[in-house]
Amino acid sequence: MDCSWNRLRDRAGLPPGLPRPPRPSLPRRLPFLLAANPQHFGRLGELNTAEALGAALYLAVGAPAAERFFSRWTGGSELLRLNAQRFSAYASVREASEIAELERRFFP
């Protein structure tokens, strides 16, 4: 798509003919992370699509999968470096309440 995901509605939505994605039964989101992309570097939660996918890989599959994913482009591993402490802490917990506590600690 030739636009940012956060502006998709401004651009008339998804292209015609694509099926609407189903609504998730359990809403989920990534824990708070700092963006490493040049447009939003250091901003809380303003990850681009590739950063979000790599972050999800790290948390769901593990660091090696995320490192392989980010190794495909220059600067791709910057998200891992910038958020190393947060990734390590987030990956070690299982309960949403623990994630929320870590988010409050990292971003008071």
C-alpha atoms as a PDB file:
ATOM      1  CA  MET A   1       0.000   0.000   0.000  1.00  0.00           C
ATOM      2  CA  ASP A   2       1.242   3.443  -0.789  1.00  0.00           C
ATOM      3  CA  CYS A   3       0.533   4.961   2.620  1.00  0.00           C
ATOM      4  CA  SER A   4       1.197   4.547   6.300  1.00  0.00           C
ATOM      5  CA  TRP A   5      -1.062   2.096   8.136  1.00  0.00           C
ATOM      6  CA  ASN A   6      -2.153   4.837  10.530  1.00  0.00           C
ATOM      7  CA  ARG A   7      -3.470   6.850   7.545  1.00  0.00           C
ATOM      8  CA  LEU A   8      -5.240   4.022   5.760  1.00  0.00           C
ATOM      9  CA  ARG A   9      -8.704   5.394   6.565  1.00  0.00           C
ATOM     10  CA  ASP A  10      -7.692   8.795   5.130  1.00  0.00           C
ATOM     11  CA  ARG A  11      -6.859   7.049   1.851  1.00  0.00           C
ATOM     12  CA  ALA A  12     -10.306   5.383   1.493  1.00  0.00           C
ATOM     13  CA  GLY A  13      -9.441   2.139   3.258  1.00  0.00           C
ATOM     14  CA  LEU A  14      -8.365  -1.177   1.827  1.00  0.00           C
ATOM     15  CA  PRO A  15      -8.295  -1.672  -1.954  1.00  0.00           C
ATOM     16  CA  PRO A  16     -11.593  -2.941  -3.394  1.00  0.00           C
ATOM     17  CA  GLY A  17     -12.015  -6.694  -3.604  1.00  0.00           C
ATOM     18  CA  LEU A  18      -9.948  -7.599  -0.552  1.00  0.00           C
ATOM     19  CA  PRO A  19     -11.848  -9.512   2.116  1.00  0.00           C
ATOM     20  CA  ARG A  20     -12.181  -7.770   5.455  1.00  0.00           C
ATOM     21  CA  PRO A  21      -9.986  -9.327   8.115  1.00  0.00           C
ATOM     22  CA  PRO A  22     -11.943 -10.973  10.943  1.00  0.00           C
ATOM     23  CA  ARG A  23     -12.174  -9.180  14.261  1.00  0.00           C
ATOM     24  CA  PRO A  24      -9.904 -10.833  16.816  1.00  0.00           C
ATOM     25  CA  SER A  25     -11.722 -12.604  19.630  1.00  0.00           C
ATOM     26  CA  LEU A  26      -8.989 -11.537  22.042  1.00  0.00           C
ATOM     27  CA  PRO A  27      -7.584  -8.058  21.423  1.00  0.00           C
ATOM     28  CA  ARG A  28      -3.800  -8.087  21.440  1.00  0.00           C
ATOM     29  CA  ARG A  29      -1.036  -5.593  20.999  1.00  0.00           C
ATOM     30  CA  LEU A  30       2.717  -5.437  21.257  1.00  0.00           C
ATOM     31  CA  PRO A  31       4.158  -4.182  24.526  1.00  0.00           C
ATOM     32  CA  PHE A  32       5.450  -0.609  24.506  1.00  0.00           C
ATOM     33  CA  LEU A  33       8.647  -0.274  22.463  1.00  0.00           C
ATOM     34  CA  LEU A  34      10.618   2.620  21.020  1.00  0.00           C
ATOM     35  CA  ALA A  35      10.666   2.944  17.247  1.00  0.00           C
ATOM     36  CA  ALA A  36      14.014   2.699  15.484  1.00  0.00           C
ATOM     37  CA  ASN A  37      12.908   3.677  11.975  1.00  0.00           C
ATOM     38  CA  PRO A  38      14.268   6.996  10.646  1.00  0.00           C
ATOM     39  CA  GLN A  39      10.840   8.662  10.488  1.00  0.00           C
ATOM     40  CA  HIS A  40       9.923   7.980  14.133  1.00  0.00           C
ATOM     41  CA  PHE A  41      13.225   7.157  15.865  1.00  0.00           C
ATOM     42  CA  GLY A  42      12.862   7.004  19.636  1.00  0.00           C
ATOM     43  CA  ARG A  43       9.103   7.568  19.633  1.00  0.00           C
ATOM     44  CA  LEU A  44       7.003   5.337  21.827  1.00  0.00           C
ATOM     45  CA  GLY A  45       4.895   2.834  19.890  1.00  0.00           C
ATOM     46  CA  GLU A  46       5.429   4.294  16.402  1.00  0.00           C
ATOM     47  CA  LEU A  47       6.943   1.176  14.882  1.00  0.00           C
ATOM     48  CA  ASN A  48       6.695   0.601  11.174  1.00  0.00           C
ATOM     49  CA  THR A  49       5.234  -2.663   9.879  1.00  0.00           C
ATOM     50  CA  ALA A  50       8.607  -4.419   9.597  1.00  0.00           C
ATOM     51  CA  GLU A  51       9.576  -3.394  13.137  1.00  0.00           C
ATOM     52  CA  ALA A  52       6.243  -4.629  14.492  1.00  0.00           C
ATOM     53  CA  LEU A  53       6.624  -7.968  12.708  1.00  0.00           C
ATOM     54  CA  GLY A  54      10.195  -8.370  13.960  1.00  0.00           C
ATOM     55  CA  ALA A  55       9.146  -7.479  17.509  1.00  0.00           C
ATOM     56  CA  ALA A  56       6.349 -10.047  17.361  1.00  0.00           C
ATOM     57  CA  LEU A  57       8.843 -12.649  16.112  1.00  0.00           C
ATOM     58  CA  TYR A  58      11.158 -11.870  19.020  1.00  0.00           C
ATOM     59  CA  LEU A  59       8.422 -12.240  21.607  1.00  0.00           C
ATOM     60  CA  ALA A  60       6.629 -15.230  20.062  1.00  0.00           C
ATOM     61  CA  VAL A  61       9.494 -17.256  18.615  1.00  0.00           C
ATOM     62  CA  GLY A  62      12.701 -15.891  20.123  1.00  0.00           C
ATOM     63  CA  ALA A  63      15.639 -13.601  19.548  1.00  0.00           C
ATOM     64  CA  PRO A  64      17.339 -15.700  16.821  1.00  0.00           C
ATOM     65  CA  ALA A  65      14.269 -15.504  14.567  1.00  0.00           C
ATOM     66  CA  ALA A  66      14.042 -11.730  15.020  1.00  0.00           C
ATOM     67  CA  GLU A  67      17.769 -11.306  14.405  1.00  0.00           C
ATOM     68  CA  ARG A  68      17.527 -13.301  11.150  1.00  0.00           C
ATOM     69  CA  PHE A  69      14.512 -11.231  10.092  1.00  0.00           C
ATOM     70  CA  PHE A  70      16.219  -7.900  10.830  1.00  0.00           C
ATOM     71  CA  SER A  71      19.529  -8.949   9.219  1.00  0.00           C
ATOM     72  CA  ARG A  72      17.939  -8.540   5.777  1.00  0.00           C
ATOM     73  CA  TRP A  73      18.364  -4.776   5.647  1.00  0.00           C
ATOM     74  CA  THR A  74      20.812  -2.129   6.833  1.00  0.00           C
ATOM     75  CA  GLY A  75      19.856  -0.810  10.237  1.00  0.00           C
ATOM     76  CA  GLY A  76      17.239  -3.491  10.748  1.00  0.00           C
ATOM     77  CA  SER A  77      18.704  -4.659  14.039  1.00  0.00           C
ATOM     78  CA  GLU A  78      18.537  -1.145  15.526  1.00  0.00           C
ATOM     79  CA  LEU A  79      15.107  -1.910  17.029  1.00  0.00           C
ATOM     80  CA  LEU A  80      16.632  -4.858  18.909  1.00  0.00           C
ATOM     81  CA  ARG A  81      19.534  -2.736  20.162  1.00  0.00           C
ATOM     82  CA  LEU A  82      17.351   0.206  21.159  1.00  0.00           C
ATOM     83  CA  ASN A  83      14.889  -2.015  23.054  1.00  0.00           C
ATOM     84  CA  ALA A  84      17.244  -4.774  24.272  1.00  0.00           C
ATOM     85  CA  GLN A  85      16.384  -4.378  27.959  1.00  0.00           C
ATOM     86  CA  ARG A  86      12.655  -4.168  27.254  1.00  0.00           C
ATOM     87  CA  PHE A  87      12.669  -7.211  24.942  1.00  0.00           C
ATOM     88  CA  SER A  88      14.519  -9.263  27.530  1.00  0.00           C
ATOM     89  CA  ALA A  89      12.068  -8.320  30.269  1.00  0.00           C
ATOM     90  CA  TYR A  90       8.923  -8.712  28.146  1.00  0.00           C
ATOM     91  CA  ALA A  91      10.023 -12.134  26.869  1.00  0.00           C
ATOM     92  CA  SER A  92      10.408 -13.450  30.414  1.00  0.00           C
ATOM     93  CA  VAL A  93       6.794 -12.922  31.561  1.00  0.00           C
ATOM     94  CA  ARG A  94       3.516 -14.654  30.689  1.00  0.00           C
ATOM     95  CA  GLU A  95       0.731 -12.609  32.287  1.00  0.00           C
ATOM     96  CA  ALA A  96      -0.711  -9.379  30.873  1.00  0.00           C
ATOM     97  CA  SER A  97      -0.537  -7.785  34.327  1.00  0.00           C
ATOM     98  CA  GLU A  98       3.225  -8.391  34.390  1.00  0.00           C
ATOM     99  CA  ILE A  99       3.613  -6.751  30.982  1.00  0.00           C
ATOM    100  CA  ALA A 100       1.616  -3.741  32.191  1.00  0.00           C
ATOM    101  CA  GLU A 101       3.859  -3.430  35.253  1.00  0.00           C
ATOM    102  CA  LEU A 102       6.984  -3.541  33.096  1.00  0.00           C
ATOM    103  CA  GLU A 103       5.543  -0.900  30.770  1.00  0.00           C
ATOM    104  CA  ARG A 104       4.919   1.388  33.745  1.00  0.00           C
ATOM    105  CA  ARG A 105       8.474   0.819  34.941  1.00  0.00           C
ATOM    106  CA  PHE A 106      10.065   1.452  31.536  1.00  0.00           C
ATOM    107  CA  PHE A 107       7.834   4.383  30.591  1.00  0.00           C
ATOM    108  CA  PRO A 108       6.719   6.210  33.776  1.00  0.00           C
END
